[in-house]
């Protein structure tokens, strides 16, 4: 069975929300898929609008860079507004 590693990024700084997101992702991941869940250590606690999305985008990009170094083959931004997606 092929192993895949998917990074799920919570763009806000809430470790509790990151844990919830990780649990949800693991519950639907295909067998053999590793879920790497992360969130930035700096940024916003909650994304409430465009200003917060702009601040969160930097943290998302930093997390993608870290995930790539850890072998992530795909990245999911776990946020309705997808901060950092266009970058």
PDB file of N, CA and C in Angstrom:
ATOM      1  N   UNK A   1       0.838  -1.175   0.000  1.00  0.00           N
ATOM      2  CA  UNK A   1       0.000   0.000   0.000  1.00  0.00           C
ATOM      3  C   UNK A   1       0.892   1.251   0.000  1.00  0.00           C
ATOM      4  N   UNK A   2       0.566   2.194  -0.845  1.00  0.00           N
ATOM      5  CA  UNK A   2       1.330   3.429  -0.947  1.00  0.00           C
ATOM      6  C   UNK A   2       1.082   4.304   0.272  1.00  0.00           C
ATOM      7  N   UNK A   3       2.136   4.874   0.794  1.00  0.00           N
ATOM      8  CA  UNK A   3       2.030   5.795   1.921  1.00  0.00           C
ATOM      9  C   UNK A   3       1.932   7.225   1.401  1.00  0.00           C
ATOM     10  N   UNK A   4       1.003   7.985   1.933  1.00  0.00           N
ATOM     11  CA  UNK A   4       0.868   9.396   1.607  1.00  0.00           C
ATOM     12  C   UNK A   4       0.937  10.200   2.889  1.00  0.00           C
ATOM     13  N   UNK A   5       1.460  11.397   2.787  1.00  0.00           N
ATOM     14  CA  UNK A   5       1.502  12.315   3.919  1.00  0.00           C
ATOM     15  C   UNK A   5       0.828  13.608   3.483  1.00  0.00           C
ATOM     16  N   UNK A   6      -0.265  13.925   4.152  1.00  0.00           N
ATOM     17  CA  UNK A   6      -1.010  15.146   3.858  1.00  0.00           C
ATOM     18  C   UNK A   6      -0.928  16.060   5.071  1.00  0.00           C
ATOM     19  N   UNK A   7      -0.541  17.291   4.827  1.00  0.00           N
ATOM     20  CA  UNK A   7      -0.482  18.283   5.893  1.00  0.00           C
ATOM     21  C   UNK A   7      -1.797  19.046   5.928  1.00  0.00           C
ATOM     22  N   UNK A   8      -2.388  19.123   7.109  1.00  0.00           N
ATOM     23  CA  UNK A   8      -3.612  19.895   7.322  1.00  0.00           C
ATOM     24  C   UNK A   8      -3.222  21.080   8.204  1.00  0.00           C
ATOM     25  N   UNK A   9      -3.409  22.280   7.678  1.00  0.00           N
ATOM     26  CA  UNK A   9      -2.959  23.493   8.362  1.00  0.00           C
ATOM     27  C   UNK A   9      -4.151  24.259   8.913  1.00  0.00           C
ATOM     28  N   UNK A  10      -4.120  24.478  10.215  1.00  0.00           N
ATOM     29  CA  UNK A  10      -5.061  25.391  10.858  1.00  0.00           C
ATOM     30  C   UNK A  10      -4.376  26.761  10.815  1.00  0.00           C
ATOM     31  N   UNK A  11      -4.894  27.728  10.068  1.00  0.00           N
ATOM     32  CA  UNK A  11      -4.194  28.997   9.930  1.00  0.00           C
ATOM     33  C   UNK A  11      -4.262  29.917  11.143  1.00  0.00           C
ATOM     34  N   UNK A  12      -5.071  29.559  12.151  1.00  0.00           N
ATOM     35  CA  UNK A  12      -5.038  30.382  13.355  1.00  0.00           C
ATOM     36  C   UNK A  12      -4.099  29.730  14.375  1.00  0.00           C
ATOM     37  N   UNK A  13      -3.919  30.362  15.499  1.00  0.00           N
ATOM     38  CA  UNK A  13      -2.898  29.903  16.454  1.00  0.00           C
ATOM     39  C   UNK A  13      -3.462  29.015  17.565  1.00  0.00           C
ATOM     40  N   UNK A  14      -4.622  28.441  17.367  1.00  0.00           N
ATOM     41  CA  UNK A  14      -5.279  27.638  18.400  1.00  0.00           C
ATOM     42  C   UNK A  14      -4.868  26.164  18.335  1.00  0.00           C
ATOM     43  N   UNK A  15      -4.048  25.701  19.284  1.00  0.00           N
ATOM     44  CA  UNK A  15      -3.688  24.274  19.307  1.00  0.00           C
ATOM     45  C   UNK A  15      -4.911  23.373  19.515  1.00  0.00           C
ATOM     46  N   UNK A  16      -5.903  23.856  20.275  1.00  0.00           N
ATOM     47  CA  UNK A  16      -7.105  23.062  20.498  1.00  0.00           C
ATOM     48  C   UNK A  16      -7.860  22.826  19.193  1.00  0.00           C
ATOM     49  N   UNK A  17      -8.002  23.882  18.390  1.00  0.00           N
ATOM     50  CA  UNK A  17      -8.681  23.743  17.102  1.00  0.00           C
ATOM     51  C   UNK A  17      -7.852  22.855  16.169  1.00  0.00           C
ATOM     52  N   UNK A  18      -6.540  22.972  16.221  1.00  0.00           N
ATOM     53  CA  UNK A  18      -5.672  22.129  15.395  1.00  0.00           C
ATOM     54  C   UNK A  18      -5.886  20.659  15.733  1.00  0.00           C
ATOM     55  N   UNK A  19      -6.009  20.346  17.014  1.00  0.00           N
ATOM     56  CA  UNK A  19      -6.251  18.964  17.444  1.00  0.00           C
ATOM     57  C   UNK A  19      -7.593  18.462  16.903  1.00  0.00           C
ATOM     58  N   UNK A  20      -8.618  19.304  16.958  1.00  0.00           N
ATOM     59  CA  UNK A  20      -9.936  18.931  16.443  1.00  0.00           C
ATOM     60  C   UNK A  20      -9.877  18.678  14.939  1.00  0.00           C
ATOM     61  N   UNK A  21      -9.177  19.547  14.218  1.00  0.00           N
ATOM     62  CA  UNK A  21      -9.021  19.405  12.766  1.00  0.00           C
ATOM     63  C   UNK A  21      -8.274  18.118  12.447  1.00  0.00           C
ATOM     64  N   UNK A  22      -7.215  17.836  13.199  1.00  0.00           N
ATOM     65  CA  UNK A  22      -6.424  16.621  12.974  1.00  0.00           C
ATOM     66  C   UNK A  22      -7.273  15.373  13.178  1.00  0.00           C
ATOM     67  N   UNK A  23      -8.077  15.363  14.226  1.00  0.00           N
ATOM     68  CA  UNK A  23      -8.940  14.207  14.500  1.00  0.00           C
ATOM     69  C   UNK A  23      -9.933  13.986  13.360  1.00  0.00           C
ATOM     70  N   UNK A  24     -10.518  15.073  12.873  1.00  0.00           N
ATOM     71  CA  UNK A  24     -11.477  14.962  11.768  1.00  0.00           C
ATOM     72  C   UNK A  24     -10.793  14.448  10.502  1.00  0.00           C
ATOM     73  N   UNK A  25      -9.606  14.966  10.206  1.00  0.00           N
ATOM     74  CA  UNK A  25      -8.881  14.544   9.004  1.00  0.00           C
ATOM     75  C   UNK A  25      -8.490  13.073   9.092  1.00  0.00           C
ATOM     76  N   UNK A  26      -8.022  12.653  10.248  1.00  0.00           N
ATOM     77  CA  UNK A  26      -7.618  11.249  10.412  1.00  0.00           C
ATOM     78  C   UNK A  26      -8.810  10.300  10.301  1.00  0.00           C
ATOM     79  N   UNK A  27      -9.977  10.773  10.696  1.00  0.00           N
ATOM     80  CA  UNK A  27     -11.152   9.901  10.647  1.00  0.00           C
ATOM     81  C   UNK A  27     -11.627   9.622   9.221  1.00  0.00           C
ATOM     82  N   UNK A  28     -11.231  10.447   8.267  1.00  0.00           N
ATOM     83  CA  UNK A  28     -11.663  10.242   6.877  1.00  0.00           C
ATOM     84  C   UNK A  28     -10.511   9.940   5.925  1.00  0.00           C
ATOM     85  N   UNK A  29      -9.294   9.910   6.433  1.00  0.00           N
ATOM     86  CA  UNK A  29      -8.132   9.641   5.579  1.00  0.00           C
ATOM     87  C   UNK A  29      -8.123   8.176   5.146  1.00  0.00           C
ATOM     88  N   UNK A  30      -7.637   7.951   3.952  1.00  0.00           N
ATOM     89  CA  UNK A  30      -7.509   6.588   3.444  1.00  0.00           C
ATOM     90  C   UNK A  30      -6.473   5.826   4.261  1.00  0.00           C
ATOM     91  N   UNK A  31      -6.622   4.511   4.360  1.00  0.00           N
ATOM     92  CA  UNK A  31      -5.604   3.727   5.055  1.00  0.00           C
ATOM     93  C   UNK A  31      -4.220   3.981   4.455  1.00  0.00           C
ATOM     94  N   UNK A  32      -3.236   4.085   5.308  1.00  0.00           N
ATOM     95  CA  UNK A  32      -1.872   4.339   4.846  1.00  0.00           C
ATOM     96  C   UNK A  32      -1.541   5.812   4.692  1.00  0.00           C
ATOM     97  N   UNK A  33      -2.489   6.679   4.971  1.00  0.00           N
ATOM     98  CA  UNK A  33      -2.259   8.115   4.855  1.00  0.00           C
ATOM     99  C   UNK A  33      -1.883   8.686   6.217  1.00  0.00           C
ATOM    100  N   UNK A  34      -0.784   9.415   6.232  1.00  0.00           N
ATOM    101  CA  UNK A  34      -0.361  10.109   7.439  1.00  0.00           C
ATOM    102  C   UNK A  34      -0.902  11.530   7.383  1.00  0.00           C
ATOM    103  N   UNK A  35      -1.513  11.966   8.471  1.00  0.00           N
ATOM    104  CA  UNK A  35      -2.002  13.341   8.576  1.00  0.00           C
ATOM    105  C   UNK A  35      -1.038  14.102   9.473  1.00  0.00           C
ATOM    106  N   UNK A  36      -0.455  15.141   8.929  1.00  0.00           N
ATOM    107  CA  UNK A  36       0.451  16.023   9.656  1.00  0.00           C
ATOM    108  C   UNK A  36      -0.316  17.320   9.907  1.00  0.00           C
ATOM    109  N   UNK A  37      -0.764  17.525  11.139  1.00  0.00           N
ATOM    110  CA  UNK A  37      -1.551  18.716  11.466  1.00  0.00           C
ATOM    111  C   UNK A  37      -0.654  19.767  12.106  1.00  0.00           C
ATOM    112  N   UNK A  38      -0.874  21.016  11.732  1.00  0.00           N
ATOM    113  CA  UNK A  38      -0.037  22.083  12.273  1.00  0.00           C
ATOM    114  C   UNK A  38      -0.786  23.402  12.303  1.00  0.00           C
ATOM    115  N   UNK A  39      -0.248  24.320  13.098  1.00  0.00           N
ATOM    116  CA  UNK A  39      -0.740  25.693  13.127  1.00  0.00           C
ATOM    117  C   UNK A  39       0.443  26.600  13.442  1.00  0.00           C
ATOM    118  N   UNK A  40       0.383  27.844  13.008  1.00  0.00           N
ATOM    119  CA  UNK A  40       1.483  28.764  13.292  1.00  0.00           C
ATOM    120  C   UNK A  40       1.535  29.128  14.781  1.00  0.00           C
ATOM    121  N   UNK A  41       2.717  29.473  15.243  1.00  0.00           N
ATOM    122  CA  UNK A  41       2.869  29.892  16.638  1.00  0.00           C
ATOM    123  C   UNK A  41       2.574  31.381  16.800  1.00  0.00           C
ATOM    124  N   UNK A  42       2.598  32.117  15.702  1.00  0.00           N
ATOM    125  CA  UNK A  42       2.294  33.549  15.739  1.00  0.00           C
ATOM    126  C   UNK A  42       1.260  33.856  14.671  1.00  0.00           C
ATOM    127  N   UNK A  43       0.415  34.821  14.957  1.00  0.00           N
ATOM    128  CA  UNK A  43      -0.618  35.201  14.004  1.00  0.00           C
ATOM    129  C   UNK A  43      -1.861  35.633  14.738  1.00  0.00           C
ATOM    130  N   UNK A  44      -3.005  35.137  14.297  1.00  0.00           N
ATOM    131  CA  UNK A  44      -4.276  35.513  14.909  1.00  0.00           C
ATOM    132  C   UNK A  44      -4.934  34.290  15.552  1.00  0.00           C
ATOM    133  N   UNK A  45      -5.660  34.531  16.629  1.00  0.00           N
ATOM    134  CA  UNK A  45      -6.354  33.438  17.328  1.00  0.00           C
ATOM    135  C   UNK A  45      -7.599  32.991  16.583  1.00  0.00           C
ATOM    136  N   UNK A  46      -8.174  33.896  15.822  1.00  0.00           N
ATOM    137  CA  UNK A  46      -9.395  33.594  15.092  1.00  0.00           C
ATOM    138  C   UNK A  46      -9.413  34.438  13.828  1.00  0.00           C
ATOM    139  N   UNK A  47      -9.855  33.859  12.740  1.00  0.00           N
ATOM    140  CA  UNK A  47      -9.902  34.582  11.472  1.00  0.00           C
ATOM    141  C   UNK A  47     -11.338  35.047  11.250  1.00  0.00           C
ATOM    142  N   UNK A  48     -11.505  36.361  11.365  1.00  0.00           N
ATOM    143  CA  UNK A  48     -12.850  36.949  11.315  1.00  0.00           C
ATOM    144  C   UNK A  48     -13.093  37.802  10.077  1.00  0.00           C
ATOM    145  N   UNK A  49     -12.077  38.008   9.254  1.00  0.00           N
ATOM    146  CA  UNK A  49     -12.253  38.851   8.073  1.00  0.00           C
ATOM    147  C   UNK A  49     -10.982  38.932   7.262  1.00  0.00           C
ATOM    148  N   UNK A  50     -10.975  39.828   6.278  1.00  0.00           N
ATOM    149  CA  UNK A  50      -9.852  39.938   5.353  1.00  0.00           C
ATOM    150  C   UNK A  50      -8.549  40.341   6.041  1.00  0.00           C
ATOM    151  N   UNK A  51      -8.626  41.203   7.023  1.00  0.00           N
ATOM    152  CA  UNK A  51      -7.421  41.623   7.739  1.00  0.00           C
ATOM    153  C   UNK A  51      -6.769  40.427   8.424  1.00  0.00           C
ATOM    154  N   UNK A  52      -7.570  39.636   9.131  1.00  0.00           N
ATOM    155  CA  UNK A  52      -7.048  38.452   9.804  1.00  0.00           C
ATOM    156  C   UNK A  52      -6.497  37.440   8.801  1.00  0.00           C
ATOM    157  N   UNK A  53      -7.177  37.293   7.662  1.00  0.00           N
ATOM    158  CA  UNK A  53      -6.706  36.379   6.620  1.00  0.00           C
ATOM    159  C   UNK A  53      -5.323  36.792   6.116  1.00  0.00           C
ATOM    160  N   UNK A  54      -5.115  38.094   5.939  1.00  0.00           N
ATOM    161  CA  UNK A  54      -3.820  38.583   5.460  1.00  0.00           C
ATOM    162  C   UNK A  54      -2.715  38.265   6.467  1.00  0.00           C
ATOM    163  N   UNK A  55      -3.002  38.457   7.736  1.00  0.00           N
ATOM    164  CA  UNK A  55      -2.006  38.146   8.771  1.00  0.00           C
ATOM    165  C   UNK A  55      -1.746  36.642   8.817  1.00  0.00           C
ATOM    166  N   UNK A  56      -2.799  35.845   8.712  1.00  0.00           N
ATOM    167  CA  UNK A  56      -2.667  34.393   8.797  1.00  0.00           C
ATOM    168  C   UNK A  56      -1.927  33.801   7.607  1.00  0.00           C
ATOM    169  N   UNK A  57      -1.949  34.466   6.461  1.00  0.00           N
ATOM    170  CA  UNK A  57      -1.310  33.929   5.256  1.00  0.00           C
ATOM    171  C   UNK A  57       0.171  33.659   5.469  1.00  0.00           C
ATOM    172  N   UNK A  58       0.850  34.520   6.187  1.00  0.00           N
ATOM    173  CA  UNK A  58       2.290  34.319   6.439  1.00  0.00           C
ATOM    174  C   UNK A  58       2.504  33.024   7.216  1.00  0.00           C
ATOM    175  N   UNK A  59       1.686  32.796   8.250  1.00  0.00           N
ATOM    176  CA  UNK A  59       1.812  31.571   9.037  1.00  0.00           C
ATOM    177  C   UNK A  59       1.526  30.326   8.218  1.00  0.00           C
ATOM    178  N   UNK A  60       0.547  30.402   7.318  1.00  0.00           N
ATOM    179  CA  UNK A  60       0.232  29.265   6.448  1.00  0.00           C
ATOM    180  C   UNK A  60       1.433  28.930   5.574  1.00  0.00           C
ATOM    181  N   UNK A  61       2.034  29.935   4.982  1.00  0.00           N
ATOM    182  CA  UNK A  61       3.187  29.692   4.108  1.00  0.00           C
ATOM    183  C   UNK A  61       4.359  29.110   4.882  1.00  0.00           C
ATOM    184  N   UNK A  62       4.566  29.579   6.103  1.00  0.00           N
ATOM    185  CA  UNK A  62       5.633  29.010   6.940  1.00  0.00           C
ATOM    186  C   UNK A  62       5.343  27.549   7.263  1.00  0.00           C
ATOM    187  N   UNK A  63       4.077  27.233   7.547  1.00  0.00           N
ATOM    188  CA  UNK A  63       3.715  25.855   7.850  1.00  0.00           C
ATOM    189  C   UNK A  63       3.889  24.948   6.625  1.00  0.00           C
ATOM    190  N   UNK A  64       3.571  25.438   5.443  1.00  0.00           N
ATOM    191  CA  UNK A  64       3.770  24.647   4.223  1.00  0.00           C
ATOM    192  C   UNK A  64       5.254  24.347   4.038  1.00  0.00           C
ATOM    193  N   UNK A  65       6.081  25.334   4.265  1.00  0.00           N
ATOM    194  CA  UNK A  65       7.532  25.127   4.143  1.00  0.00           C
ATOM    195  C   UNK A  65       8.003  24.039   5.117  1.00  0.00           C
ATOM    196  N   UNK A  66       7.527  24.092   6.355  1.00  0.00           N
ATOM    197  CA  UNK A  66       7.884  23.072   7.353  1.00  0.00           C
ATOM    198  C   UNK A  66       7.336  21.703   6.955  1.00  0.00           C
ATOM    199  N   UNK A  67       6.106  21.676   6.475  1.00  0.00           N
ATOM    200  CA  UNK A  67       5.502  20.412   6.058  1.00  0.00           C
ATOM    201  C   UNK A  67       6.247  19.761   4.913  1.00  0.00           C
ATOM    202  N   UNK A  68       6.683  20.560   3.951  1.00  0.00           N
ATOM    203  CA  UNK A  68       7.458  20.025   2.836  1.00  0.00           C
ATOM    204  C   UNK A  68       8.750  19.395   3.344  1.00  0.00           C
ATOM    205  N   UNK A  69       9.379  20.031   4.311  1.00  0.00           N
ATOM    206  CA  UNK A  69      10.617  19.497   4.886  1.00  0.00           C
ATOM    207  C   UNK A  69      10.367  18.176   5.620  1.00  0.00           C
ATOM    208  N   UNK A  70       9.131  17.985   6.095  1.00  0.00           N
ATOM    209  CA  UNK A  70       8.773  16.761   6.806  1.00  0.00           C
ATOM    210  C   UNK A  70       8.183  15.691   5.879  1.00  0.00           C
ATOM    211  N   UNK A  71       8.148  15.976   4.585  1.00  0.00           N
ATOM    212  CA  UNK A  71       7.702  14.983   3.615  1.00  0.00           C
ATOM    213  C   UNK A  71       6.243  15.060   3.212  1.00  0.00           C
ATOM    214  N   UNK A  72       5.552  16.142   3.551  1.00  0.00           N
ATOM    215  CA  UNK A  72       4.151  16.278   3.142  1.00  0.00           C
ATOM    216  C   UNK A  72       4.071  16.342   1.620  1.00  0.00           C
ATOM    217  N   UNK A  73       3.132  15.582   1.067  1.00  0.00           N
ATOM    218  CA  UNK A  73       2.944  15.542  -0.379  1.00  0.00           C
ATOM    219  C   UNK A  73       1.760  16.392  -0.840  1.00  0.00           C
ATOM    220  N   UNK A  74       0.994  16.862   0.101  1.00  0.00           N
ATOM    221  CA  UNK A  74      -0.148  17.720  -0.195  1.00  0.00           C
ATOM    222  C   UNK A  74      -0.479  18.537   1.038  1.00  0.00           C
ATOM    223  N   UNK A  75      -1.170  19.633   0.834  1.00  0.00           N
ATOM    224  CA  UNK A  75      -1.478  20.548   1.930  1.00  0.00           C
ATOM    225  C   UNK A  75      -2.938  20.964   1.841  1.00  0.00           C
ATOM    226  N   UNK A  76      -3.596  20.982   2.992  1.00  0.00           N
ATOM    227  CA  UNK A  76      -4.982  21.424   3.085  1.00  0.00           C
ATOM    228  C   UNK A  76      -5.015  22.596   4.056  1.00  0.00           C
ATOM    229  N   UNK A  77      -5.591  23.695   3.623  1.00  0.00           N
ATOM    230  CA  UNK A  77      -5.772  24.844   4.499  1.00  0.00           C
ATOM    231  C   UNK A  77      -7.166  24.707   5.109  1.00  0.00           C
ATOM    232  N   UNK A  78      -7.213  24.468   6.406  1.00  0.00           N
ATOM    233  CA  UNK A  78      -8.471  24.180   7.093  1.00  0.00           C
ATOM    234  C   UNK A  78      -9.147  25.476   7.534  1.00  0.00           C
ATOM    235  N   UNK A  79      -9.580  26.257   6.549  1.00  0.00           N
ATOM    236  CA  UNK A  79     -10.212  27.539   6.836  1.00  0.00           C
ATOM    237  C   UNK A  79     -11.059  27.933   5.641  1.00  0.00           C
ATOM    238  N   UNK A  80     -12.246  28.442   5.900  1.00  0.00           N
ATOM    239  CA  UNK A  80     -13.166  28.827   4.840  1.00  0.00           C
ATOM    240  C   UNK A  80     -12.535  29.807   3.850  1.00  0.00           C
ATOM    241  N   UNK A  81     -11.768  30.784   4.344  1.00  0.00           N
ATOM    242  CA  UNK A  81     -11.209  31.815   3.474  1.00  0.00           C
ATOM    243  C   UNK A  81      -9.924  31.418   2.765  1.00  0.00           C
ATOM    244  N   UNK A  82      -9.354  30.253   3.073  1.00  0.00           N
ATOM    245  CA  UNK A  82      -8.101  29.777   2.457  1.00  0.00           C
ATOM    246  C   UNK A  82      -6.984  30.818   2.468  1.00  0.00           C
ATOM    247  N   UNK A  83      -6.629  31.371   3.641  1.00  0.00           N
ATOM    248  CA  UNK A  83      -5.556  32.376   3.659  1.00  0.00           C
ATOM    249  C   UNK A  83      -4.245  31.807   3.132  1.00  0.00           C
ATOM    250  N   UNK A  84      -3.611  32.569   2.253  1.00  0.00           N
ATOM    251  CA  UNK A  84      -2.335  32.161   1.675  1.00  0.00           C
ATOM    252  C   UNK A  84      -2.450  31.285   0.447  1.00  0.00           C
ATOM    253  N   UNK A  85      -3.647  30.875   0.053  1.00  0.00           N
ATOM    254  CA  UNK A  85      -3.820  29.963  -1.067  1.00  0.00           C
ATOM    255  C   UNK A  85      -3.226  30.504  -2.363  1.00  0.00           C
ATOM    256  N   UNK A  86      -3.468  31.760  -2.663  1.00  0.00           N
ATOM    257  CA  UNK A  86      -2.985  32.305  -3.930  1.00  0.00           C
ATOM    258  C   UNK A  86      -1.455  32.447  -3.965  1.00  0.00           C
ATOM    259  N   UNK A  87      -0.836  32.518  -2.788  1.00  0.00           N
ATOM    260  CA  UNK A  87       0.632  32.592  -2.746  1.00  0.00           C
ATOM    261  C   UNK A  87       1.201  31.222  -3.056  1.00  0.00           C
TER     262      UNK A  87
END
